[in-house]
């Protein structure tokens, strides 16, 4: 079985689909906004989050290196 981040999954919209389902679930639970965090150099995640409506709050240092923080209003 191929890993979700393997070459066979790239460019097929899996991350966009997963983000949409997660946002649907958050809405169903009555959540008003969602925080998404990704590494600053993970351009695929940055693109997915921004396409999904993410608004950059800023970049913060974490124990794993700098991370972008995005909010999506629901």
Protein backbone atom coordinates (compact mmCIF):
# COMPACT_ATOMS: atom_id res chain seq x y z
CA UNK A 1 0.00 0.00 0.00
CA UNK A 2 1.38 3.44 -0.95
CA UNK A 3 1.85 6.04 1.75
CA UNK A 4 -0.46 9.07 1.57
CA UNK A 5 2.52 11.31 0.84
CA UNK A 6 4.00 9.00 -1.79
CA UNK A 7 4.32 9.91 -5.45
CA UNK A 8 1.08 8.12 -6.34
CA UNK A 9 -0.92 10.55 -4.15
CA UNK A 10 0.69 13.81 -5.22
CA UNK A 11 -1.35 16.17 -7.33
CA UNK A 12 -4.58 14.22 -6.90
CA UNK A 13 -6.27 16.58 -4.44
CA UNK A 14 -6.13 14.29 -1.42
CA UNK A 15 -4.98 17.04 0.96
CA UNK A 16 -7.65 19.44 -0.34
CA UNK A 17 -10.30 16.75 0.08
CA UNK A 18 -9.10 15.96 3.63
CA UNK A 19 -9.08 19.64 4.60
CA UNK A 20 -12.62 20.05 3.29
CA UNK A 21 -13.87 17.05 5.27
CA UNK A 22 -12.15 18.32 8.42
CA UNK A 23 -13.73 21.75 8.00
CA UNK A 24 -17.15 20.14 7.44
CA UNK A 25 -16.71 18.18 10.67
CA UNK A 26 -15.66 21.30 12.58
CA UNK A 27 -18.75 23.14 11.29
CA UNK A 28 -20.97 20.23 12.34
CA UNK A 29 -19.49 20.48 15.84
CA UNK A 30 -20.23 24.20 15.99
CA UNK A 31 -16.62 25.36 15.78
CA UNK A 32 -16.31 29.02 14.68
CA UNK A 33 -12.73 28.94 13.45
CA UNK A 34 -9.89 26.47 13.01
CA UNK A 35 -6.15 26.88 13.53
CA UNK A 36 -3.91 25.09 11.03
CA UNK A 37 -0.14 24.90 11.46
CA UNK A 38 2.52 23.74 9.02
CA UNK A 39 6.27 23.99 8.62
CA UNK A 40 7.33 27.18 6.85
CA UNK A 41 9.00 25.32 4.00
CA UNK A 42 6.14 22.87 3.34
CA UNK A 43 4.90 24.65 0.23
CA UNK A 44 2.33 21.98 -0.63
CA UNK A 45 0.64 22.43 2.76
CA UNK A 46 0.87 26.21 2.49
CA UNK A 47 -0.89 26.09 -0.89
CA UNK A 48 -3.58 23.72 0.36
CA UNK A 49 -4.33 25.78 3.46
CA UNK A 50 -4.39 29.07 1.54
CA UNK A 51 -6.68 27.59 -1.15
CA UNK A 52 -8.93 26.41 1.68
CA UNK A 53 -9.32 29.95 3.01
CA UNK A 54 -6.50 30.03 5.53
CA UNK A 55 -5.37 33.48 6.64
CA UNK A 56 -1.79 33.69 7.87
CA UNK A 57 -1.56 34.84 11.49
CA UNK A 58 2.21 34.68 11.50
CA UNK A 59 5.24 32.45 11.89
CA UNK A 60 6.31 31.14 15.30
CA UNK A 61 9.28 29.16 16.47
CA UNK A 62 8.39 25.70 17.75
CA UNK A 63 10.35 22.76 19.10
CA UNK A 64 10.36 21.43 15.52
CA UNK A 65 11.44 24.66 13.85
CA UNK A 66 9.49 27.64 12.52
CA UNK A 67 5.83 27.06 11.71
CA UNK A 68 3.20 29.04 9.83
CA UNK A 69 -0.08 29.56 11.72
CA UNK A 70 -3.27 29.95 9.70
CA UNK A 71 -6.86 30.57 10.77
CA UNK A 72 -9.93 29.58 8.81
CA UNK A 73 -13.22 31.21 9.81
CA UNK A 74 -16.20 28.89 9.52
